[in-house]
mmCIF file of all heavy atoms, coordinates in Angstrom:
data_MODEL
# 
_entry.id   MODEL 
# 
loop_
_atom_site.group_PDB 
_atom_site.id 
_atom_site.type_symbol 
_atom_site.label_atom_id 
_atom_site.label_alt_id 
_atom_site.label_comp_id 
_atom_site.label_asym_id 
_atom_site.label_entity_id 
_atom_site.label_seq_id 
_atom_site.pdbx_PDB_ins_code 
_atom_site.Cartn_x 
_atom_site.Cartn_y 
_atom_site.Cartn_z 
_atom_site.occupancy 
_atom_site.B_iso_or_equiv 
_atom_site.pdbx_formal_charge 
_atom_site.auth_seq_id 
_atom_site.auth_comp_id 
_atom_site.auth_asym_id 
_atom_site.auth_atom_id 
_atom_site.pdbx_PDB_model_num 
ATOM 1   N N   . ALA A 1 1  ? 3.010   -10.848 2.006   1.00 0.00 ? 1  ALA A N   1 
ATOM 2   C CA  . ALA A 1 1  ? 2.030   -10.014 1.299   1.00 0.00 ? 1  ALA A CA  1 
ATOM 3   C C   . ALA A 1 1  ? 0.940   -9.501  2.236   1.00 0.00 ? 1  ALA A C   1 
ATOM 4   O O   . ALA A 1 1  ? 0.701   -10.051 3.305   1.00 0.00 ? 1  ALA A O   1 
ATOM 5   C CB  . ALA A 1 1  ? 1.386   -10.825 0.183   1.00 0.00 ? 1  ALA A CB  1 
ATOM 6   N N   . ILE A 1 2  ? 0.279   -8.451  1.757   1.00 0.00 ? 2  ILE A N   1 
ATOM 7   C CA  . ILE A 1 2  ? -0.939  -7.943  2.394   1.00 0.00 ? 2  ILE A CA  1 
ATOM 8   C C   . ILE A 1 2  ? -2.057  -8.212  1.405   1.00 0.00 ? 2  ILE A C   1 
ATOM 9   O O   . ILE A 1 2  ? -1.939  -7.907  0.217   1.00 0.00 ? 2  ILE A O   1 
ATOM 10  C CB  . ILE A 1 2  ? -0.856  -6.426  2.676   1.00 0.00 ? 2  ILE A CB  1 
ATOM 11  C CG1 . ILE A 1 2  ? 0.307   -6.112  3.610   1.00 0.00 ? 2  ILE A CG1 1 
ATOM 12  C CG2 . ILE A 1 2  ? -2.171  -5.922  3.261   1.00 0.00 ? 2  ILE A CG2 1 
ATOM 13  C CD1 . ILE A 1 2  ? 0.575   -4.619  3.742   1.00 0.00 ? 2  ILE A CD1 1 
ATOM 14  N N   . ARG A 1 3  ? -3.135  -8.800  1.890   1.00 0.00 ? 3  ARG A N   1 
ATOM 15  C CA  . ARG A 1 3  ? -4.272  -9.110  1.020   1.00 0.00 ? 3  ARG A CA  1 
ATOM 16  C C   . ARG A 1 3  ? -5.516  -8.417  1.547   1.00 0.00 ? 3  ARG A C   1 
ATOM 17  O O   . ARG A 1 3  ? -5.820  -8.479  2.740   1.00 0.00 ? 3  ARG A O   1 
ATOM 18  C CB  . ARG A 1 3  ? -4.505  -10.624 0.966   1.00 0.00 ? 3  ARG A CB  1 
ATOM 19  C CG  . ARG A 1 3  ? -3.403  -11.356 0.246   1.00 0.00 ? 3  ARG A CG  1 
ATOM 20  C CD  . ARG A 1 3  ? -3.625  -12.888 0.285   1.00 0.00 ? 3  ARG A CD  1 
ATOM 21  N NE  . ARG A 1 3  ? -2.442  -13.573 -0.201  1.00 0.00 ? 3  ARG A NE  1 
ATOM 22  C CZ  . ARG A 1 3  ? -1.346  -13.804 0.525   1.00 0.00 ? 3  ARG A CZ  1 
ATOM 23  N NH1 . ARG A 1 3  ? -1.295  -13.416 1.772   1.00 0.00 ? 3  ARG A NH1 1 
ATOM 24  N NH2 . ARG A 1 3  ? -0.306  -14.415 0.000   1.00 0.00 ? 3  ARG A NH2 1 
ATOM 25  N N   . TYR A 1 4  ? -6.225  -7.776  0.635   1.00 0.00 ? 4  TYR A N   1 
ATOM 26  C CA  . TYR A 1 4  ? -7.510  -7.161  0.928   1.00 0.00 ? 4  TYR A CA  1 
ATOM 27  C C   . TYR A 1 4  ? -8.535  -7.966  0.149   1.00 0.00 ? 4  TYR A C   1 
ATOM 28  O O   . TYR A 1 4  ? -8.481  -8.024  -1.085  1.00 0.00 ? 4  TYR A O   1 
ATOM 29  C CB  . TYR A 1 4  ? -7.532  -5.693  0.498   1.00 0.00 ? 4  TYR A CB  1 
ATOM 30  C CG  . TYR A 1 4  ? -6.517  -4.845  1.241   1.00 0.00 ? 4  TYR A CG  1 
ATOM 31  C CD1 . TYR A 1 4  ? -5.248  -4.621  0.723   1.00 0.00 ? 4  TYR A CD1 1 
ATOM 32  C CD2 . TYR A 1 4  ? -6.846  -4.267  2.465   1.00 0.00 ? 4  TYR A CD2 1 
ATOM 33  C CE1 . TYR A 1 4  ? -4.329  -3.833  1.406   1.00 0.00 ? 4  TYR A CE1 1 
ATOM 34  C CE2 . TYR A 1 4  ? -5.932  -3.484  3.146   1.00 0.00 ? 4  TYR A CE2 1 
ATOM 35  C CZ  . TYR A 1 4  ? -4.677  -3.275  2.613   1.00 0.00 ? 4  TYR A CZ  1 
ATOM 36  O OH  . TYR A 1 4  ? -3.773  -2.496  3.289   1.00 0.00 ? 4  TYR A OH  1 
ATOM 37  N N   . LEU A 1 5  ? -9.442  -8.611  0.865   1.00 0.00 ? 5  LEU A N   1 
ATOM 38  C CA  . LEU A 1 5  ? -10.393 -9.520  0.227   1.00 0.00 ? 5  LEU A CA  1 
ATOM 39  C C   . LEU A 1 5  ? -11.824 -9.088  0.502   1.00 0.00 ? 5  LEU A C   1 
ATOM 40  O O   . LEU A 1 5  ? -12.170 -8.718  1.621   1.00 0.00 ? 5  LEU A O   1 
ATOM 41  C CB  . LEU A 1 5  ? -10.179 -10.945 0.748   1.00 0.00 ? 5  LEU A CB  1 
ATOM 42  C CG  . LEU A 1 5  ? -8.749  -11.498 0.614   1.00 0.00 ? 5  LEU A CG  1 
ATOM 43  C CD1 . LEU A 1 5  ? -8.610  -12.807 1.385   1.00 0.00 ? 5  LEU A CD1 1 
ATOM 44  C CD2 . LEU A 1 5  ? -8.386  -11.678 -0.844  1.00 0.00 ? 5  LEU A CD2 1 
ATOM 45  N N   . GLY A 1 6  ? -12.654 -9.165  -0.540  1.00 0.00 ? 6  GLY A N   1 
ATOM 46  C CA  . GLY A 1 6  ? -14.071 -8.849  -0.410  1.00 0.00 ? 6  GLY A CA  1 
ATOM 47  C C   . GLY A 1 6  ? -14.866 -9.634  -1.438  1.00 0.00 ? 6  GLY A C   1 
ATOM 48  O O   . GLY A 1 6  ? -14.296 -10.352 -2.269  1.00 0.00 ? 6  GLY A O   1 
ATOM 49  N N   . ASP A 1 7  ? -16.153 -9.485  -1.409  1.00 0.00 ? 7  ASP A N   1 
ATOM 50  C CA  . ASP A 1 7  ? -17.021 -10.183 -2.350  1.00 0.00 ? 7  ASP A CA  1 
ATOM 51  C C   . ASP A 1 7  ? -16.789 -9.630  -3.759  1.00 0.00 ? 7  ASP A C   1 
ATOM 52  O O   . ASP A 1 7  ? -17.138 -8.487  -4.057  1.00 0.00 ? 7  ASP A O   1 
ATOM 53  C CB  . ASP A 1 7  ? -18.484 -10.005 -1.925  1.00 0.00 ? 7  ASP A CB  1 
ATOM 54  C CG  . ASP A 1 7  ? -19.420 -10.879 -2.727  1.00 0.00 ? 7  ASP A CG  1 
ATOM 55  O OD1 . ASP A 1 7  ? -18.973 -11.901 -3.295  1.00 0.00 ? 7  ASP A OD1 1 
ATOM 56  O OD2 . ASP A 1 7  ? -20.617 -10.528 -2.792  1.00 0.00 ? 7  ASP A OD2 1 
ATOM 57  N N   . GLY A 1 8  ? -16.160 -10.408 -4.618  1.00 0.00 ? 8  GLY A N   1 
ATOM 58  C CA  . GLY A 1 8  ? -15.867 -9.992  -5.990  1.00 0.00 ? 8  GLY A CA  1 
ATOM 59  C C   . GLY A 1 8  ? -14.639 -9.116  -6.108  1.00 0.00 ? 8  GLY A C   1 
ATOM 60  O O   . GLY A 1 8  ? -14.423 -8.479  -7.149  1.00 0.00 ? 8  GLY A O   1 
ATOM 61  N N   . PHE A 1 9  ? -13.800 -9.059  -5.085  1.00 0.00 ? 9  PHE A N   1 
ATOM 62  C CA  . PHE A 1 9  ? -12.621 -8.195  -5.100  1.00 0.00 ? 9  PHE A CA  1 
ATOM 63  C C   . PHE A 1 9  ? -11.495 -8.848  -4.316  1.00 0.00 ? 9  PHE A C   1 
ATOM 64  O O   . PHE A 1 9  ? -11.702 -9.383  -3.228  1.00 0.00 ? 9  PHE A O   1 
ATOM 65  C CB  . PHE A 1 9  ? -12.954 -6.843  -4.464  1.00 0.00 ? 9  PHE A CB  1 
ATOM 66  C CG  . PHE A 1 9  ? -11.784 -5.899  -4.364  1.00 0.00 ? 9  PHE A CG  1 
ATOM 67  C CD1 . PHE A 1 9  ? -11.439 -5.084  -5.421  1.00 0.00 ? 9  PHE A CD1 1 
ATOM 68  C CD2 . PHE A 1 9  ? -11.028 -5.821  -3.198  1.00 0.00 ? 9  PHE A CD2 1 
ATOM 69  C CE1 . PHE A 1 9  ? -10.361 -4.215  -5.336  1.00 0.00 ? 9  PHE A CE1 1 
ATOM 70  C CE2 . PHE A 1 9  ? -9.961  -4.951  -3.096  1.00 0.00 ? 9  PHE A CE2 1 
ATOM 71  C CZ  . PHE A 1 9  ? -9.618  -4.140  -4.171  1.00 0.00 ? 9  PHE A CZ  1 
ATOM 72  N N   . ALA A 1 10 ? -10.283 -8.799  -4.872  1.00 0.00 ? 10 ALA A N   1 
ATOM 73  C CA  . ALA A 1 10 ? -9.077  -9.232  -4.158  1.00 0.00 ? 10 ALA A CA  1 
ATOM 74  C C   . ALA A 1 10 ? -7.928  -8.332  -4.593  1.00 0.00 ? 10 ALA A C   1 
ATOM 75  O O   . ALA A 1 10 ? -7.747  -8.059  -5.781  1.00 0.00 ? 10 ALA A O   1 
ATOM 76  C CB  . ALA A 1 10 ? -8.749  -10.685 -4.474  1.00 0.00 ? 10 ALA A CB  1 
ATOM 77  N N   . MET A 1 11 ? -7.187  -7.830  -3.628  1.00 0.00 ? 11 MET A N   1 
ATOM 78  C CA  . MET A 1 11 ? -5.999  -7.032  -3.927  1.00 0.00 ? 11 MET A CA  1 
ATOM 79  C C   . MET A 1 11 ? -4.854  -7.586  -3.099  1.00 0.00 ? 11 MET A C   1 
ATOM 80  O O   . MET A 1 11 ? -4.979  -7.780  -1.892  1.00 0.00 ? 11 MET A O   1 
ATOM 81  C CB  . MET A 1 11 ? -6.217  -5.553  -3.589  1.00 0.00 ? 11 MET A CB  1 
ATOM 82  C CG  . MET A 1 11 ? -5.000  -4.693  -3.918  1.00 0.00 ? 11 MET A CG  1 
ATOM 83  S SD  . MET A 1 11 ? -5.293  -2.904  -3.815  1.00 0.00 ? 11 MET A SD  1 
ATOM 84  C CE  . MET A 1 11 ? -5.231  -2.642  -2.056  1.00 0.00 ? 11 MET A CE  1 
ATOM 85  N N   . THR A 1 12 ? -3.728  -7.853  -3.779  1.00 0.00 ? 12 THR A N   1 
ATOM 86  C CA  . THR A 1 12 ? -2.545  -8.367  -3.117  1.00 0.00 ? 12 THR A CA  1 
ATOM 87  C C   . THR A 1 12 ? -1.404  -7.391  -3.332  1.00 0.00 ? 12 THR A C   1 
ATOM 88  O O   . THR A 1 12 ? -1.114  -7.004  -4.471  1.00 0.00 ? 12 THR A O   1 
ATOM 89  C CB  . THR A 1 12 ? -2.154  -9.753  -3.679  1.00 0.00 ? 12 THR A CB  1 
ATOM 90  O OG1 . THR A 1 12 ? -3.261  -10.635 -3.524  1.00 0.00 ? 12 THR A OG1 1 
ATOM 91  C CG2 . THR A 1 12 ? -0.949  -10.317 -2.963  1.00 0.00 ? 12 THR A CG2 1 
ATOM 92  N N   . ALA A 1 13 ? -0.746  -7.013  -2.250  1.00 0.00 ? 13 ALA A N   1 
ATOM 93  C CA  . ALA A 1 13 ? 0.411   -6.121  -2.305  1.00 0.00 ? 13 ALA A CA  1 
ATOM 94  C C   . ALA A 1 13 ? 1.608   -6.879  -1.763  1.00 0.00 ? 13 ALA A C   1 
ATOM 95  O O   . ALA A 1 13 ? 1.562   -7.392  -0.646  1.00 0.00 ? 13 ALA A O   1 
ATOM 96  C CB  . ALA A 1 13 ? 0.163   -4.860  -1.484  1.00 0.00 ? 13 ALA A CB  1 
ATOM 97  N N   . THR A 1 14 ? 2.666   -6.977  -2.573  1.00 0.00 ? 14 THR A N   1 
ATOM 98  C CA  . THR A 1 14 ? 3.893   -7.639  -2.141  1.00 0.00 ? 14 THR A CA  1 
ATOM 99  C C   . THR A 1 14 ? 5.015   -6.609  -2.109  1.00 0.00 ? 14 THR A C   1 
ATOM 100 O O   . THR A 1 14 ? 5.085   -5.720  -2.958  1.00 0.00 ? 14 THR A O   1 
ATOM 101 C CB  . THR A 1 14 ? 4.265   -8.798  -3.083  1.00 0.00 ? 14 THR A CB  1 
ATOM 102 O OG1 . THR A 1 14 ? 4.352   -8.310  -4.417  1.00 0.00 ? 14 THR A OG1 1 
ATOM 103 C CG2 . THR A 1 14 ? 3.236   -9.912  -2.996  1.00 0.00 ? 14 THR A CG2 1 
ATOM 104 N N   . GLN A 1 15 ? 5.881   -6.749  -1.128  1.00 0.00 ? 15 GLN A N   1 
ATOM 105 C CA  . GLN A 1 15 ? 6.962   -5.788  -0.957  1.00 0.00 ? 15 GLN A CA  1 
ATOM 106 C C   . GLN A 1 15 ? 7.963   -5.906  -2.088  1.00 0.00 ? 15 GLN A C   1 
ATOM 107 O O   . GLN A 1 15 ? 8.311   -6.993  -2.531  1.00 0.00 ? 15 GLN A O   1 
ATOM 108 C CB  . GLN A 1 15 ? 7.651   -6.008  0.385   1.00 0.00 ? 15 GLN A CB  1 
ATOM 109 C CG  . GLN A 1 15 ? 8.661   -4.942  0.707   1.00 0.00 ? 15 GLN A CG  1 
ATOM 110 C CD  . GLN A 1 15 ? 9.267   -5.129  2.088   1.00 0.00 ? 15 GLN A CD  1 
ATOM 111 O OE1 . GLN A 1 15 ? 9.026   -6.111  2.761   1.00 0.00 ? 15 GLN A OE1 1 
ATOM 112 N NE2 . GLN A 1 15 ? 10.066  -4.163  2.496   1.00 0.00 ? 15 GLN A NE2 1 
ATOM 113 N N   . GLY A 1 16 ? 8.421   -4.791  -2.553  1.00 0.00 ? 16 GLY A N   1 
ATOM 114 C CA  . GLY A 1 16 ? 9.436   -4.740  -3.597  1.00 0.00 ? 16 GLY A CA  1 
ATOM 115 C C   . GLY A 1 16 ? 9.283   -3.480  -4.393  1.00 0.00 ? 16 GLY A C   1 
ATOM 116 O O   . GLY A 1 16 ? 8.177   -2.956  -4.514  1.00 0.00 ? 16 GLY A O   1 
ATOM 117 N N   . PRO A 1 17 ? 10.348  -2.934  -4.924  1.00 0.00 ? 17 PRO A N   1 
ATOM 118 C CA  . PRO A 1 17 ? 10.230  -1.682  -5.659  1.00 0.00 ? 17 PRO A CA  1 
ATOM 119 C C   . PRO A 1 17 ? 9.337   -1.852  -6.883  1.00 0.00 ? 17 PRO A C   1 
ATOM 120 O O   . PRO A 1 17 ? 9.335   -2.902  -7.521  1.00 0.00 ? 17 PRO A O   1 
ATOM 121 C CB  . PRO A 1 17 ? 11.667  -1.351  -6.056  1.00 0.00 ? 17 PRO A CB  1 
ATOM 122 C CG  . PRO A 1 17 ? 12.415  -2.617  -5.951  1.00 0.00 ? 17 PRO A CG  1 
ATOM 123 C CD  . PRO A 1 17 ? 11.705  -3.466  -4.949  1.00 0.00 ? 17 PRO A CD  1 
ATOM 124 N N   . CYS A 1 18 ? 8.580   -0.802  -7.172  1.00 0.00 ? 18 CYS A N   1 
ATOM 125 C CA  . CYS A 1 18 ? 7.638   -0.853  -8.284  1.00 0.00 ? 18 CYS A CA  1 
ATOM 126 C C   . CYS A 1 18 ? 7.622   0.501   -8.983  1.00 0.00 ? 18 CYS A C   1 
ATOM 127 O O   . CYS A 1 18 ? 7.549   1.540   -8.338  1.00 0.00 ? 18 CYS A O   1 
ATOM 128 C CB  . CYS A 1 18 ? 6.242   -1.191  -7.769  1.00 0.00 ? 18 CYS A CB  1 
ATOM 129 S SG  . CYS A 1 18 ? 4.990   -1.302  -9.061  1.00 0.00 ? 18 CYS A SG  1 
ATOM 130 N N   . SER A 1 19 ? 7.683   0.480   -10.307 1.00 0.00 ? 19 SER A N   1 
ATOM 131 C CA  . SER A 1 19 ? 7.558   1.688   -11.122 1.00 0.00 ? 19 SER A CA  1 
ATOM 132 C C   . SER A 1 19 ? 6.333   1.535   -12.001 1.00 0.00 ? 19 SER A C   1 
ATOM 133 O O   . SER A 1 19 ? 6.093   0.462   -12.563 1.00 0.00 ? 19 SER A O   1 
ATOM 134 C CB  . SER A 1 19 ? 8.802   1.875   -11.996 1.00 0.00 ? 19 SER A CB  1 
ATOM 135 O OG  . SER A 1 19 ? 8.594   2.927   -12.914 1.00 0.00 ? 19 SER A OG  1 
ATOM 136 N N   . ASP A 1 20 ? 5.568   2.622   -12.141 1.00 0.00 ? 20 ASP A N   1 
ATOM 137 C CA  . ASP A 1 20 ? 4.362   2.553   -12.965 1.00 0.00 ? 20 ASP A CA  1 
ATOM 138 C C   . ASP A 1 20 ? 4.675   2.606   -14.460 1.00 0.00 ? 20 ASP A C   1 
ATOM 139 O O   . ASP A 1 20 ? 3.792   2.453   -15.290 1.00 0.00 ? 20 ASP A O   1 
ATOM 140 C CB  . ASP A 1 20 ? 3.361   3.637   -12.587 1.00 0.00 ? 20 ASP A CB  1 
ATOM 141 C CG  . ASP A 1 20 ? 3.907   5.039   -12.803 1.00 0.00 ? 20 ASP A CG  1 
ATOM 142 O OD1 . ASP A 1 20 ? 4.861   5.227   -13.581 1.00 0.00 ? 20 ASP A OD1 1 
ATOM 143 O OD2 . ASP A 1 20 ? 3.366   5.971   -12.192 1.00 0.00 ? 20 ASP A OD2 1 
ATOM 144 N N   . GLY A 1 21 ? 5.938   2.819   -14.833 1.00 0.00 ? 21 GLY A N   1 
ATOM 145 C CA  . GLY A 1 21 ? 6.325   2.838   -16.235 1.00 0.00 ? 21 GLY A CA  1 
ATOM 146 C C   . GLY A 1 21 ? 6.121   4.177   -16.907 1.00 0.00 ? 21 GLY A C   1 
ATOM 147 O O   . GLY A 1 21 ? 6.560   4.376   -18.031 1.00 0.00 ? 21 GLY A O   1 
ATOM 148 N N   . MET A 1 22 ? 5.453   5.125   -16.247 1.00 0.00 ? 22 MET A N   1 
ATOM 149 C CA  . MET A 1 22 ? 5.199   6.426   -16.858 1.00 0.00 ? 22 MET A CA  1 
ATOM 150 C C   . MET A 1 22 ? 5.920   7.566   -16.138 1.00 0.00 ? 22 MET A C   1 
ATOM 151 O O   . MET A 1 22 ? 5.951   8.678   -16.646 1.00 0.00 ? 22 MET A O   1 
ATOM 152 C CB  . MET A 1 22 ? 3.700   6.716   -16.885 1.00 0.00 ? 22 MET A CB  1 
ATOM 153 C CG  . MET A 1 22 ? 2.941   5.764   -17.769 1.00 0.00 ? 22 MET A CG  1 
ATOM 154 S SD  . MET A 1 22 ? 1.250   6.262   -18.011 1.00 0.00 ? 22 MET A SD  1 
ATOM 155 C CE  . MET A 1 22 ? 1.469   7.635   -19.135 1.00 0.00 ? 22 MET A CE  1 
ATOM 156 N N   . SER A 1 23 ? 6.469   7.311   -14.981 1.00 0.00 ? 23 SER A N   1 
ATOM 157 C CA  . SER A 1 23 ? 7.178   8.354   -14.234 1.00 0.00 ? 23 SER A CA  1 
ATOM 158 C C   . SER A 1 23 ? 8.431   7.738   -13.630 1.00 0.00 ? 23 SER A C   1 
ATOM 159 O O   . SER A 1 23 ? 8.655   6.537   -13.709 1.00 0.00 ? 23 SER A O   1 
ATOM 160 C CB  . SER A 1 23 ? 6.287   8.916   -13.116 1.00 0.00 ? 23 SER A CB  1 
ATOM 161 O OG  . SER A 1 23 ? 6.098   7.962   -12.106 1.00 0.00 ? 23 SER A OG  1 
ATOM 162 N N   . ASP A 1 24 ? 9.230   8.586   -13.040 1.00 0.00 ? 24 ASP A N   1 
ATOM 163 C CA  . ASP A 1 24 ? 10.453  8.105   -12.387 1.00 0.00 ? 24 ASP A CA  1 
ATOM 164 C C   . ASP A 1 24 ? 10.205  7.717   -10.940 1.00 0.00 ? 24 ASP A C   1 
ATOM 165 O O   . ASP A 1 24 ? 11.138  7.363   -10.233 1.00 0.00 ? 24 ASP A O   1 
ATOM 166 C CB  . ASP A 1 24 ? 11.537  9.186   -12.438 1.00 0.00 ? 24 ASP A CB  1 
ATOM 167 C CG  . ASP A 1 24 ? 12.008  9.450   -13.854 1.00 0.00 ? 24 ASP A CG  1 
ATOM 168 O OD1 . ASP A 1 24 ? 11.952  8.516   -14.678 1.00 0.00 ? 24 ASP A OD1 1 
ATOM 169 O OD2 . ASP A 1 24 ? 12.430  10.593  -14.136 1.00 0.00 ? 24 ASP A OD2 1 
ATOM 170 N N   . THR A 1 25 ? 8.964   7.784   -10.503 1.00 0.00 ? 25 THR A N   1 
ATOM 171 C CA  . THR A 1 25 ? 8.634   7.493   -9.109  1.00 0.00 ? 25 THR A CA  1 
ATOM 172 C C   . THR A 1 25 ? 8.655   5.989   -8.854  1.00 0.00 ? 25 THR A C   1 
ATOM 173 O O   . THR A 1 25 ? 8.165   5.202   -9.649  1.00 0.00 ? 25 THR A O   1 
ATOM 174 C CB  . THR A 1 25 ? 7.244   8.060   -8.764  1.00 0.00 ? 25 THR A CB  1 
ATOM 175 O OG1 . THR A 1 25 ? 7.247   9.453   -9.044  1.00 0.00 ? 25 THR A OG1 1 
ATOM 176 C CG2 . THR A 1 25 ? 6.919   7.852   -7.298  1.00 0.00 ? 25 THR A CG2 1 
ATOM 177 N N   . ILE A 1 26 ? 9.225   5.634   -7.719  1.00 0.00 ? 26 ILE A N   1 
ATOM 178 C CA  . ILE A 1 26 ? 9.273   4.224   -7.301  1.00 0.00 ? 26 ILE A CA  1 
ATOM 179 C C   . ILE A 1 26 ? 8.418   4.085   -6.051  1.00 0.00 ? 26 ILE A C   1 
ATOM 180 O O   . ILE A 1 26 ? 8.529   4.882   -5.119  1.00 0.00 ? 26 ILE A O   1 
ATOM 181 C CB  . ILE A 1 26 ? 10.726  3.782   -6.983  1.00 0.00 ? 26 ILE A CB  1 
ATOM 182 C CG1 . ILE A 1 26 ? 11.641  4.010   -8.198  1.00 0.00 ? 26 ILE A CG1 1 
ATOM 183 C CG2 . ILE A 1 26 ? 10.766  2.323   -6.523  1.00 0.00 ? 26 ILE A CG2 1 
ATOM 184 C CD1 . ILE A 1 26 ? 11.291  3.178   -9.410  1.00 0.00 ? 26 ILE A CD1 1 
# 
């Protein structure tokens, strides 16, 4: 994973296909 960490914020991105559920974009 890639993690972006800050005061009051954390974002984790893990590899793998992902669809937003509203479009055909992966």
